[in-house]
Full PDB file with SEQRES, HELIX, SHEET, SSBOND, CRYST1, ORIGX, SCALE, CONECT and MASTER records, all heavy atoms in Angstrom:
SEQRES   1 A   43  THR PHE ALA PRO MET VAL ASP ILE ALA ARG ASP ALA ARG          
SEQRES   2 A   43  TRP GLY ARG VAL MET GLU GLY ALA GLY GLU ASP PRO TYR          
SEQRES   3 A   43  LEU GLY SER LYS VAL ALA GLU ALA ARG VAL ILE GLY PHE          
SEQRES   4 A   43  GLN GLY GLY GLY                                              
HELIX    1 AA1 GLY A   15  GLU A   19  5                                   5    
HELIX    2 AA2 PRO A   25  GLN A   40  1                                  16    
CRYST1    1.000    1.000    1.000  90.00  90.00  90.00 P 1           1          
ORIGX1      1.000000  0.000000  0.000000        0.00000                         
ORIGX2      0.000000  1.000000  0.000000        0.00000                         
ORIGX3      0.000000  0.000000  1.000000        0.00000                         
SCALE1      1.000000  0.000000  0.000000        0.00000                         
SCALE2      0.000000  1.000000  0.000000        0.00000                         
SCALE3      0.000000  0.000000  1.000000        0.00000                         
ATOM      1  N   THR A   1     -50.220  73.022-178.739  1.00  0.00           N  
ATOM      2  CA  THR A   1     -50.305  72.239-179.967  1.00  0.00           C  
ATOM      3  C   THR A   1     -49.510  70.952-179.823  1.00  0.00           C  
ATOM      4  O   THR A   1     -48.467  70.926-179.160  1.00  0.00           O  
ATOM      5  CB  THR A   1     -49.784  73.009-181.187  1.00  0.00           C  
ATOM      6  OG1 THR A   1     -49.834  72.145-182.336  1.00  0.00           O  
ATOM      7  CG2 THR A   1     -48.340  73.462-181.008  1.00  0.00           C  
ATOM      8  N   PHE A   2     -49.993  69.905-180.460  1.00  0.00           N  
ATOM      9  CA  PHE A   2     -49.292  68.626-180.450  1.00  0.00           C  
ATOM     10  C   PHE A   2     -48.428  68.526-181.700  1.00  0.00           C  
ATOM     11  O   PHE A   2     -48.634  67.677-182.576  1.00  0.00           O  
ATOM     12  CB  PHE A   2     -50.300  67.489-180.322  1.00  0.00           C  
ATOM     13  CG  PHE A   2     -51.177  67.647-179.108  1.00  0.00           C  
ATOM     14  CD1 PHE A   2     -52.528  67.903-179.228  1.00  0.00           C  
ATOM     15  CD2 PHE A   2     -50.623  67.605-177.842  1.00  0.00           C  
ATOM     16  CE1 PHE A   2     -53.323  68.084-178.109  1.00  0.00           C  
ATOM     17  CE2 PHE A   2     -51.415  67.791-176.714  1.00  0.00           C  
ATOM     18  CZ  PHE A   2     -52.763  68.029-176.845  1.00  0.00           C  
ATOM     19  N   ALA A   3     -47.479  69.406-181.779  1.00  0.00           N  
ATOM     20  CA  ALA A   3     -46.524  69.495-182.878  1.00  0.00           C  
ATOM     21  C   ALA A   3     -45.294  70.226-182.338  1.00  0.00           C  
ATOM     22  O   ALA A   3     -45.395  70.976-181.359  1.00  0.00           O  
ATOM     23  CB  ALA A   3     -47.128  70.251-184.061  1.00  0.00           C  
ATOM     24  N   PRO A   4     -44.126  70.032-182.946  1.00  0.00           N  
ATOM     25  CA  PRO A   4     -43.877  69.296-184.191  1.00  0.00           C  
ATOM     26  C   PRO A   4     -43.662  67.799-183.976  1.00  0.00           C  
ATOM     27  O   PRO A   4     -43.142  67.382-182.953  1.00  0.00           O  
ATOM     28  CB  PRO A   4     -42.579  69.930-184.689  1.00  0.00           C  
ATOM     29  CG  PRO A   4     -41.843  70.275-183.426  1.00  0.00           C  
ATOM     30  CD  PRO A   4     -42.915  70.721-182.452  1.00  0.00           C  
ATOM     31  N   MET A   5     -44.073  67.009-184.970  1.00  0.00           N  
ATOM     32  CA  MET A   5     -43.677  65.612-185.015  1.00  0.00           C  
ATOM     33  C   MET A   5     -42.258  65.560-185.553  1.00  0.00           C  
ATOM     34  O   MET A   5     -41.987  66.095-186.636  1.00  0.00           O  
ATOM     35  CB  MET A   5     -44.601  64.799-185.916  1.00  0.00           C  
ATOM     36  CG  MET A   5     -44.374  63.292-185.759  1.00  0.00           C  
ATOM     37  SD  MET A   5     -45.084  62.295-187.080  1.00  0.00           S  
ATOM     38  CE  MET A   5     -43.686  62.214-188.207  1.00  0.00           C  
ATOM     39  N   VAL A   6     -41.369  64.934-184.812  1.00  0.00           N  
ATOM     40  CA  VAL A   6     -39.956  64.935-185.211  1.00  0.00           C  
ATOM     41  C   VAL A   6     -39.437  63.521-185.451  1.00  0.00           C  
ATOM     42  O   VAL A   6     -38.227  63.280-185.443  1.00  0.00           O  
ATOM     43  CB  VAL A   6     -39.088  65.668-184.165  1.00  0.00           C  
ATOM     44  CG1 VAL A   6     -39.546  67.107-184.021  1.00  0.00           C  
ATOM     45  CG2 VAL A   6     -39.122  64.978-182.799  1.00  0.00           C  
ATOM     46  N   ASP A   7     -40.352  62.580-185.697  1.00  0.00           N  
ATOM     47  CA  ASP A   7     -39.950  61.197-185.942  1.00  0.00           C  
ATOM     48  C   ASP A   7     -39.198  61.065-187.257  1.00  0.00           C  
ATOM     49  O   ASP A   7     -39.636  61.584-188.293  1.00  0.00           O  
ATOM     50  CB  ASP A   7     -41.190  60.294-186.002  1.00  0.00           C  
ATOM     51  CG  ASP A   7     -41.999  60.327-184.717  1.00  0.00           C  
ATOM     52  OD1 ASP A   7     -41.388  60.442-183.652  1.00  0.00           O  
ATOM     53  OD2 ASP A   7     -43.236  60.238-184.796  1.00  0.00           O  
ATOM     54  N   ILE A   8     -38.084  60.353-187.230  1.00  0.00           N  
ATOM     55  CA  ILE A   8     -37.385  60.001-188.467  1.00  0.00           C  
ATOM     56  C   ILE A   8     -38.225  58.964-189.208  1.00  0.00           C  
ATOM     57  O   ILE A   8     -38.725  58.003-188.611  1.00  0.00           O  
ATOM     58  CB  ILE A   8     -35.994  59.429-188.156  1.00  0.00           C  
ATOM     59  CG1 ILE A   8     -35.107  60.509-187.520  1.00  0.00           C  
ATOM     60  CG2 ILE A   8     -35.333  58.862-189.412  1.00  0.00           C  
ATOM     61  CD1 ILE A   8     -34.832  61.701-188.416  1.00  0.00           C  
ATOM     62  N   ALA A   9     -38.401  59.152-190.510  1.00  0.00           N  
ATOM     63  CA  ALA A   9     -39.257  58.265-191.307  1.00  0.00           C  
ATOM     64  C   ALA A   9     -38.489  57.752-192.516  1.00  0.00           C  
ATOM     65  O   ALA A   9     -38.039  58.535-193.355  1.00  0.00           O  
ATOM     66  CB  ALA A   9     -40.512  59.006-191.758  1.00  0.00           C  
ATOM     67  N   ARG A  10     -38.353  56.455-192.587  1.00  0.00           N  
ATOM     68  CA  ARG A  10     -37.624  55.812-193.696  1.00  0.00           C  
ATOM     69  C   ARG A  10     -38.518  54.908-194.535  1.00  0.00           C  
ATOM     70  O   ARG A  10     -38.039  54.273-195.468  1.00  0.00           O  
ATOM     71  CB  ARG A  10     -36.476  54.966-193.123  1.00  0.00           C  
ATOM     72  CG  ARG A  10     -35.373  55.784-192.442  1.00  0.00           C  
ATOM     73  CD  ARG A  10     -34.386  54.866-191.732  1.00  0.00           C  
ATOM     74  NE  ARG A  10     -33.103  55.507-191.501  1.00  0.00           N  
ATOM     75  CZ  ARG A  10     -32.054  54.909-190.949  1.00  0.00           C  
ATOM     76  NH1 ARG A  10     -32.165  53.643-190.543  1.00  0.00           N  
ATOM     77  NH2 ARG A  10     -30.910  55.546-190.801  1.00  0.00           N  
ATOM     78  N   ASP A  11     -39.780  54.818-194.181  1.00  0.00           N  
ATOM     79  CA  ASP A  11     -40.685  53.859-194.812  1.00  0.00           C  
ATOM     80  C   ASP A  11     -41.924  54.588-195.305  1.00  0.00           C  
ATOM     81  O   ASP A  11     -42.765  55.020-194.507  1.00  0.00           O  
ATOM     82  CB  ASP A  11     -41.064  52.783-193.796  1.00  0.00           C  
ATOM     83  CG  ASP A  11     -41.734  51.581-194.439  1.00  0.00           C  
ATOM     84  OD1 ASP A  11     -42.385  51.748-195.487  1.00  0.00           O  
ATOM     85  OD2 ASP A  11     -41.620  50.472-193.878  1.00  0.00           O  
ATOM     86  N   ALA A  12     -42.055  54.712-196.619  1.00  0.00           N  
ATOM     87  CA  ALA A  12     -43.154  55.479-197.206  1.00  0.00           C  
ATOM     88  C   ALA A  12     -44.504  54.793-197.054  1.00  0.00           C  
ATOM     89  O   ALA A  12     -45.538  55.410-197.317  1.00  0.00           O  
ATOM     90  CB  ALA A  12     -42.875  55.743-198.686  1.00  0.00           C  
ATOM     91  N   ARG A  13     -44.529  53.558-196.628  1.00  0.00           N  
ATOM     92  CA  ARG A  13     -45.826  52.920-196.348  1.00  0.00           C  
ATOM     93  C   ARG A  13     -46.516  53.594-195.165  1.00  0.00           C  
ATOM     94  O   ARG A  13     -47.735  53.642-195.099  1.00  0.00           O  
ATOM     95  CB  ARG A  13     -45.627  51.422-196.053  1.00  0.00           C  
ATOM     96  CG  ARG A  13     -45.180  50.603-197.243  1.00  0.00           C  
ATOM     97  CD  ARG A  13     -44.833  49.188-196.839  1.00  0.00           C  
ATOM     98  NE  ARG A  13     -43.677  49.126-195.935  1.00  0.00           N  
ATOM     99  CZ  ARG A  13     -43.123  47.995-195.502  1.00  0.00           C  
ATOM    100  NH1 ARG A  13     -43.630  46.828-195.872  1.00  0.00           N  
ATOM    101  NH2 ARG A  13     -42.072  48.018-194.703  1.00  0.00           N  
ATOM    102  N   TRP A  14     -45.726  54.072-194.225  1.00  0.00           N  
ATOM    103  CA  TRP A  14     -46.249  54.695-192.998  1.00  0.00           C  
ATOM    104  C   TRP A  14     -46.908  56.023-193.346  1.00  0.00           C  
ATOM    105  O   TRP A  14     -46.262  56.935-193.872  1.00  0.00           O  
ATOM    106  CB  TRP A  14     -45.089  54.904-192.020  1.00  0.00           C  
ATOM    107  CG  TRP A  14     -45.496  55.307-190.645  1.00  0.00           C  
ATOM    108  CD1 TRP A  14     -46.452  54.740-189.864  1.00  0.00           C  
ATOM    109  CD2 TRP A  14     -44.929  56.381-189.874  1.00  0.00           C  
ATOM    110  NE1 TRP A  14     -46.521  55.384-188.639  1.00  0.00           N  
ATOM    111  CE2 TRP A  14     -45.599  56.387-188.620  1.00  0.00           C  
ATOM    112  CE3 TRP A  14     -43.934  57.322-190.097  1.00  0.00           C  
ATOM    113  CZ2 TRP A  14     -45.298  57.305-187.616  1.00  0.00           C  
ATOM    114  CZ3 TRP A  14     -43.627  58.233-189.103  1.00  0.00           C  
ATOM    115  CH2 TRP A  14     -44.300  58.224-187.877  1.00  0.00           C  
ATOM    116  N   GLY A  15     -48.187  56.139-193.037  1.00  0.00           N  
ATOM    117  CA  GLY A  15     -48.925  57.336-193.438  1.00  0.00           C  
ATOM    118  C   GLY A  15     -48.454  58.603-192.781  1.00  0.00           C  
ATOM    119  O   GLY A  15     -48.650  59.706-193.307  1.00  0.00           O  
ATOM    120  N   ARG A  16     -47.799  58.495-191.625  1.00  0.00           N  
ATOM    121  CA  ARG A  16     -47.416  59.691-190.897  1.00  0.00           C  
ATOM    122  C   ARG A  16     -46.070  60.263-191.358  1.00  0.00           C  
ATOM    123  O   ARG A  16     -45.583  61.221-190.747  1.00  0.00           O  
ATOM    124  CB  ARG A  16     -47.417  59.397-189.393  1.00  0.00           C  
ATOM    125  CG  ARG A  16     -48.796  59.003-188.900  1.00  0.00           C  
ATOM    126  CD  ARG A  16     -48.925  59.017-187.395  1.00  0.00           C  
ATOM    127  NE  ARG A  16     -49.118  60.370-186.896  1.00  0.00           N  
ATOM    128  CZ  ARG A  16     -49.604  60.636-185.676  1.00  0.00           C  
ATOM    129  NH1 ARG A  16     -49.945  59.642-184.863  1.00  0.00           N  
ATOM    130  NH2 ARG A  16     -49.765  61.871-185.267  1.00  0.00           N  
ATOM    131  N   VAL A  17     -45.506  59.722-192.426  1.00  0.00           N  
ATOM    132  CA  VAL A  17     -44.336  60.387-193.001  1.00  0.00           C  
ATOM    133  C   VAL A  17     -44.679  61.832-193.359  1.00  0.00           C  
ATOM    134  O   VAL A  17     -43.824  62.718-193.331  1.00  0.00           O  
ATOM    135  CB  VAL A  17     -43.790  59.656-194.251  1.00  0.00           C  
ATOM    136  CG1 VAL A  17     -43.281  58.280-193.905  1.00  0.00           C  
ATOM    137  CG2 VAL A  17     -44.828  59.584-195.365  1.00  0.00           C  
ATOM    138  N   MET A  18     -45.944  62.078-193.684  1.00  0.00           N  
ATOM    139  CA  MET A  18     -46.371  63.425-194.092  1.00  0.00           C  
ATOM    140  C   MET A  18     -46.174  64.463-192.989  1.00  0.00           C  
ATOM    141  O   MET A  18     -46.034  65.649-193.262  1.00  0.00           O  
ATOM    142  CB  MET A  18     -47.854  63.409-194.472  1.00  0.00           C  
ATOM    143  CG  MET A  18     -48.767  62.975-193.348  1.00  0.00           C  
ATOM    144  SD  MET A  18     -50.409  63.762-193.295  1.00  0.00           S  
ATOM    145  CE  MET A  18     -50.019  65.426-192.871  1.00  0.00           C  
ATOM    146  N   GLU A  19     -46.131  63.993-191.737  1.00  0.00           N  
ATOM    147  CA  GLU A  19     -46.200  64.886-190.591  1.00  0.00           C  
ATOM    148  C   GLU A  19     -44.823  65.303-190.072  1.00  0.00           C  
ATOM    149  O   GLU A  19     -44.716  66.161-189.201  1.00  0.00           O  
ATOM    150  CB  GLU A  19     -46.982  64.189-189.478  1.00  0.00           C  
ATOM    151  CG  GLU A  19     -47.612  65.093-188.462  1.00  0.00           C  
ATOM    152  CD  GLU A  19     -48.394  64.311-187.424  1.00  0.00           C  
ATOM    153  OE1 GLU A  19     -48.817  63.169-187.706  1.00  0.00           O  
ATOM    154  OE2 GLU A  19     -48.567  64.842-186.309  1.00  0.00           O  
ATOM    155  N   GLY A  20     -43.771  64.683-190.599  1.00  0.00           N  
ATOM    156  CA  GLY A  20     -42.426  64.952-190.104  1.00  0.00           C  
ATOM    157  C   GLY A  20     -41.532  65.565-191.154  1.00  0.00           C  
ATOM    158  O   GLY A  20     -41.985  66.074-192.176  1.00  0.00           O  
ATOM    159  N   ALA A  21     -40.217  65.485-190.891  1.00  0.00           N  
ATOM    160  CA  ALA A  21     -39.235  66.153-191.752  1.00  0.00           C  
ATOM    161  C   ALA A  21     -38.394  65.173-192.550  1.00  0.00           C  
ATOM    162  O   ALA A  21     -37.346  65.549-193.078  1.00  0.00           O  
ATOM    163  CB  ALA A  21     -38.321  67.045-190.908  1.00  0.00           C  
ATOM    164  N   GLY A  22     -38.840  63.912-192.642  1.00  0.00           N  
ATOM    165  CA  GLY A  22     -38.147  62.990-193.519  1.00  0.00           C  
ATOM    166  C   GLY A  22     -37.183  62.058-192.815  1.00  0.00           C  
ATOM    167  O   GLY A  22     -37.356  61.709-191.651  1.00  0.00           O  
ATOM    168  N   GLU A  23     -36.131  61.679-193.536  1.00  0.00           N  
ATOM    169  CA  GLU A  23     -35.304  60.545-193.123  1.00  0.00           C  
ATOM    170  C   GLU A  23     -33.997  60.909-192.440  1.00  0.00           C  
ATOM    171  O   GLU A  23     -33.294  60.024-191.945  1.00  0.00           O  
ATOM    172  CB  GLU A  23     -34.979  59.676-194.342  1.00  0.00           C  
ATOM    173  CG  GLU A  23     -34.016  60.324-195.332  1.00  0.00           C  
ATOM    174  CD  GLU A  23     -33.901  59.535-196.632  1.00  0.00           C  
ATOM    175  OE1 GLU A  23     -34.946  59.166-197.200  1.00  0.00           O  
ATOM    176  OE2 GLU A  23     -32.760  59.295-197.071  1.00  0.00           O  
ATOM    177  N   ASP A  24     -33.625  62.172-192.400  1.00  0.00           N  
ATOM    178  CA  ASP A  24     -32.274  62.522-191.953  1.00  0.00           C  
ATOM    179  C   ASP A  24     -32.246  63.141-190.559  1.00  0.00           C  
ATOM    180  O   ASP A  24     -32.977  64.103-190.291  1.00  0.00           O  
ATOM    181  CB  ASP A  24     -31.630  63.495-192.936  1.00  0.00           C  
ATOM    182  CG  ASP A  24     -30.219  63.842-192.518  1.00  0.00           C  
ATOM    183  OD1 ASP A  24     -29.352  62.954-192.608  1.00  0.00           O  
ATOM    184  OD2 ASP A  24     -29.986  64.979-192.076  1.00  0.00           O  
ATOM    185  N   PRO A  25     -31.386  62.662-189.658  1.00  0.00           N  
ATOM    186  CA  PRO A  25     -31.325  63.211-188.300  1.00  0.00           C  
ATOM    187  C   PRO A  25     -30.870  64.665-188.241  1.00  0.00           C  
ATOM    188  O   PRO A  25     -31.367  65.430-187.397  1.00  0.00           O  
ATOM    189  CB  PRO A  25     -30.313  62.301-187.587  1.00  0.00           C  
ATOM    190  CG  PRO A  25     -30.265  61.060-188.401  1.00  0.00           C  
ATOM    191  CD  PRO A  25     -30.537  61.474-189.807  1.00  0.00           C  
ATOM    192  N   TYR A  26     -29.932  65.055-189.103  1.00  0.00           N  
ATOM    193  CA  TYR A  26     -29.429  66.434-189.050  1.00  0.00           C  
ATOM    194  C   TYR A  26     -30.490  67.418-189.519  1.00  0.00           C  
ATOM    195  O   TYR A  26     -30.814  68.386-188.820  1.00  0.00           O  
ATOM    196  CB  TYR A  26     -28.166  66.568-189.907  1.00  0.00           C  
ATOM    197  CG  TYR A  26     -27.564  67.955-189.871  1.00  0.00           C  
ATOM    198  CD1 TYR A  26     -26.665  68.315-188.878  1.00  0.00           C  
ATOM    199  CD2 TYR A  26     -27.898  68.907-190.826  1.00  0.00           C  
ATOM    200  CE1 TYR A  26     -26.113  69.595-188.833  1.00  0.00           C  
ATOM    201  CE2 TYR A  26     -27.360  70.187-190.788  1.00  0.00           C  
ATOM    202  CZ  TYR A  26     -26.467  70.521-189.793  1.00  0.00           C  
ATOM    203  OH  TYR A  26     -25.936  71.796-189.755  1.00  0.00           O  
ATOM    204  N   LEU A  27     -31.059  67.181-190.701  1.00  0.00           N  
ATOM    205  CA  LEU A  27     -32.113  68.058-191.200  1.00  0.00           C  
ATOM    206  C   LEU A  27     -33.304  68.027-190.260  1.00  0.00           C  
ATOM    207  O   LEU A  27     -33.898  69.068-189.934  1.00  0.00           O  
ATOM    208  CB  LEU A  27     -32.536  67.645-192.610  1.00  0.00           C  
ATOM    209  CG  LEU A  27     -33.682  68.448-193.239  1.00  0.00           C  
ATOM    210  CD1 LEU A  27     -33.326  69.915-193.362  1.00  0.00           C  
ATOM    211  CD2 LEU A  27     -34.074  67.867-194.600  1.00  0.00           C  
ATOM    212  N   GLY A  28     -33.668  66.833-189.781  1.00  0.00           N  
ATOM    213  CA  GLY A  28     -34.790  66.716-188.864  1.00  0.00           C  
ATOM    214  C   GLY A  28     -34.584  67.506-187.590  1.00  0.00           C  
ATOM    215  O   GLY A  28     -35.521  68.104-187.053  1.00  0.00           O  
ATOM    216  N   SER A  29     -33.354  67.548-187.095  1.00  0.00           N  
ATOM    217  CA  SER A  29     -33.057  68.305-185.877  1.00  0.00           C  
ATOM    218  C   SER A  29     -33.192  69.795-186.109  1.00  0.00           C  
ATOM    219  O   SER A  29     -33.725  70.533-185.262  1.00  0.00           O  
ATOM    220  CB  SER A  29     -31.637  67.972-185.400  1.00  0.00           C  
ATOM    221  OG  SER A  29     -31.529  66.615-185.021  1.00  0.00           O  
ATOM    222  N   LYS A  30     -32.731  70.266-187.248  1.00  0.00           N  
ATOM    223  CA  LYS A  30     -32.834  71.689-187.555  1.00  0.00           C  
ATOM    224  C   LYS A  30     -34.287  72.116-187.745  1.00  0.00           C  
ATOM    225  O   LYS A  30     -34.697  73.199-187.312  1.00  0.00           O  
ATOM    226  CB  LYS A  30     -32.020  72.013-188.816  1.00  0.00           C  
ATOM    227  CG  LYS A  30     -30.520  71.809-188.673  1.00  0.00           C  
ATOM    228  CD  LYS A  30     -29.940  72.733-187.609  1.00  0.00           C  
ATOM    229  CE  LYS A  30     -28.433  72.599-187.506  1.00  0.00           C  
ATOM    230  NZ  LYS A  30     -27.863  73.460-186.435  1.00  0.00           N  
ATOM    231  N   VAL A  31     -35.074  71.271-188.383  1.00  0.00           N  
ATOM    232  CA  VAL A  31     -36.489  71.575-188.578  1.00  0.00           C  
ATOM    233  C   VAL A  31     -37.217  71.562-187.232  1.00  0.00           C  
ATOM    234  O   VAL A  31     -38.058  72.425-186.960  1.00  0.00           O  
ATOM    235  CB  VAL A  31     -37.128  70.583-189.562  1.00  0.00           C  
ATOM    236  CG1 VAL A  31     -38.641  70.768-189.619  1.00  0.00           C  
ATOM    237  CG2 VAL A  31     -36.520  70.750-190.955  1.00  0.00           C  
ATOM    238  N   ALA A  32     -36.897  70.594-186.372  1.00  0.00           N  
ATOM    239  CA  ALA A  32     -37.517  70.531-185.044  1.00  0.00           C  
ATOM    240  C   ALA A  32     -37.258  71.822-184.277  1.00  0.00           C  
ATOM    241  O   ALA A  32     -38.174  72.408-183.681  1.00  0.00           O  
ATOM    242  CB  ALA A  32     -36.969  69.333-184.273  1.00  0.00           C  
ATOM    243  N   GLU A  33     -36.027  72.268-184.291  1.00  0.00           N  
ATOM    244  CA  GLU A  33     -35.666  73.503-183.594  1.00  0.00           C  
ATOM    245  C   GLU A  33     -36.440  74.692-184.145  1.00  0.00           C  
ATOM    246  O   GLU A  33     -37.000  75.500-183.391  1.00  0.00           O  
ATOM    247  CB  GLU A  33     -34.167  73.747-183.727  1.00  0.00           C  
ATOM    248  CG  GLU A  33     -33.685  75.022-183.078  1.00  0.00           C  
ATOM    249  CD  GLU A  33     -32.197  75.268-183.311  1.00  0.00           C  
ATOM    250  OE1 GLU A  33     -31.617  74.627-184.216  1.00  0.00           O  
ATOM    251  OE2 GLU A  33     -31.623  76.103-182.603  1.00  0.00           O  
ATOM    252  N   ALA A  34     -36.499  74.812-185.473  1.00  0.00           N  
ATOM    253  CA  ALA A  34     -37.175  75.954-186.097  1.00  0.00           C  
ATOM    254  C   ALA A  34     -38.656  75.979-185.753  1.00  0.00           C  
ATOM    255  O   ALA A  34     -39.221  77.043-185.454  1.00  0.00           O  
ATOM    256  CB  ALA A  34     -36.986  75.900-187.616  1.00  0.00           C  
ATOM    257  N   ARG A  35     -39.295  74.837-185.766  1.00  0.00           N  
ATOM    258  CA  ARG A  35     -40.730  74.803-185.532  1.00  0.00           C  
ATOM    259  C   ARG A  35     -41.063  75.018-184.049  1.00  0.00           C  
ATOM    260  O   ARG A  35     -42.061  75.671-183.724  1.00  0.00           O  
ATOM    261  CB  ARG A  35     -41.325  73.486-186.044  1.00  0.00           C  
ATOM    262  CG  ARG A  35     -41.117  73.292-187.556  1.00  0.00           C  
ATOM    263  CD  ARG A  35     -42.043  72.251-188.135  1.00  0.00           C  
ATOM    264  NE  ARG A  35     -43.392  72.774-188.231  1.00  0.00           N  
ATOM    265  CZ  ARG A  35     -44.494  72.038-188.117  1.00  0.00           C  
ATOM    266  NH1 ARG A  35     -44.396  70.737-187.874  1.00  0.00           N  
ATOM    267  NH2 ARG A  35     -45.676  72.580-188.228  1.00  0.00           N  
ATOM    268  N   VAL A  36     -40.255  74.497-183.151  1.00  0.00           N  
ATOM    269  CA  VAL A  36     -40.467  74.762-181.725  1.00  0.00           C  
ATOM    270  C   VAL A  36     -40.378  76.259-181.455  1.00  0.00           C  
ATOM    271  O   VAL A  36     -41.228  76.856-180.786  1.00  0.00           O  
ATOM    272  CB  VAL A  36     -39.440  73.994-180.869  1.00  0.00           C  
ATOM    273  CG1 VAL A  36     -39.436  74.524-179.428  1.00  0.00           C  
ATOM    274  CG2 VAL A  36     -39.752  72.500-180.871  1.00  0.00           C  
ATOM    275  N   ILE A  37     -39.339  76.889-181.986  1.00  0.00           N  
ATOM    276  CA  ILE A  37     -39.159  78.329-181.787  1.00  0.00           C  
ATOM    277  C   ILE A  37     -40.313  79.105-182.410  1.00  0.00           C  
ATOM    278  O   ILE A  37     -40.795  80.090-181.845  1.00  0.00           O  
ATOM    279  CB  ILE A  37     -37.803  78.770-182.369  1.00  0.00           C  
ATOM    280  CG1 ILE A  37     -36.665  78.207-181.500  1.00  0.00           C  
ATOM    281  CG2 ILE A  37     -37.706  80.288-182.461  1.00  0.00           C  
ATOM    282  CD1 ILE A  37     -35.288  78.422-182.072  1.00  0.00           C  
ATOM    283  N   GLY A  38     -40.805  78.659-183.559  1.00  0.00           N  
ATOM    284  CA  GLY A  38     -41.936  79.335-184.193  1.00  0.00           C  
ATOM    285  C   GLY A  38     -43.198  79.266-183.357  1.00  0.00           C  
ATOM    286  O   GLY A  38     -43.877  80.276-183.147  1.00  0.00           O  
ATOM    287  N   PHE A  39     -43.526  78.084-182.863  1.00  0.00           N  
ATOM    288  CA  PHE A  39     -44.737  77.930-182.051  1.00  0.00           C  
ATOM    289  C   PHE A  39     -44.643  78.705-180.740  1.00  0.00           C  
ATOM    290  O   PHE A  39     -45.612  79.318-180.292  1.00  0.00           O  
ATOM    291  CB  PHE A  39     -44.982  76.454-181.727  1.00  0.00           C  
ATOM    292  CG  PHE A  39     -45.547  75.644-182.856  1.00  0.00           C  
ATOM    293  CD1 PHE A  39     -44.944  74.451-183.246  1.00  0.00           C  
ATOM    294  CD2 PHE A  39     -46.695  76.041-183.524  1.00  0.00           C  
ATOM    295  CE1 PHE A  39     -45.468  73.677-184.274  1.00  0.00           C  
ATOM    296  CE2 PHE A  39     -47.230  75.284-184.562  1.00  0.00           C  
ATOM    297  CZ  PHE A  39     -46.607  74.094-184.931  1.00  0.00           C  
ATOM    298  N   GLN A  40     -43.472  78.658-180.102  1.00  0.00           N  
ATOM    299  CA  GLN A  40     -43.334  79.187-178.751  1.00  0.00           C  
ATOM    300  C   GLN A  40     -42.767  80.598-178.692  1.00  0.00           C  
ATOM    301  O   GLN A  40     -42.625  81.158-177.596  1.00  0.00           O  
ATOM    302  CB  GLN A  40     -42.465  78.248-177.907  1.00  0.00           C  
ATOM    303  CG  GLN A  40     -43.096  76.881-177.731  1.00  0.00           C  
ATOM    304  CD  GLN A  40     -42.382  75.986-176.722  1.00  0.00           C  
ATOM    305  OE1 GLN A  40     -42.887  74.931-176.370  1.00  0.00           O  
ATOM    306  NE2 GLN A  40     -41.210  76.389-176.248  1.00  0.00           N  
ATOM    307  N   GLY A  41     -42.436  81.168-179.844  1.00  0.00           N  
ATOM    308  CA  GLY A  41     -41.956  82.542-179.870  1.00  0.00           C  
ATOM    309  C   GLY A  41     -40.516  82.697-179.467  1.00  0.00           C  
ATOM    310  O   GLY A  41     -40.046  83.814-179.229  1.00  0.00           O  
ATOM    311  N   GLY A  42     -39.774  81.609-179.380  1.00  0.00           N  
ATOM    312  CA  GLY A  42     -38.371  81.661-179.004  1.00  0.00           C  
ATOM    313  C   GLY A  42     -37.934  80.355-178.401  1.00  0.00           C  
ATOM    314  O   GLY A  42     -38.734  79.433-178.210  1.00  0.00           O  
ATOM    315  N   GLY A  43     -36.649  80.265-178.093  1.00  0.00           N  
ATOM    316  CA  GLY A  43     -36.090  79.019-177.610  1.00  0.00           C  
ATOM    317  C   GLY A  43     -35.944  78.928-176.107  1.00  0.00           C  
ATOM    318  O   GLY A  43     -35.479  77.921-175.592  1.00  0.00           O  
TER     319      GLY A  43                                                      
MASTER        0    0    0    2    0    0    0    6  318    1    0    4          
END                                                                             
């Protein structure tokens, strides 16, 4: 799969804000980790 998208997004004009975890590096990092582990069955 071509996911997760982990791009930090600060501009709501950009349509791909929908595909990531928002504007914060800390929250974005935790979400990236969770989704990678979910797709791959572990870390």
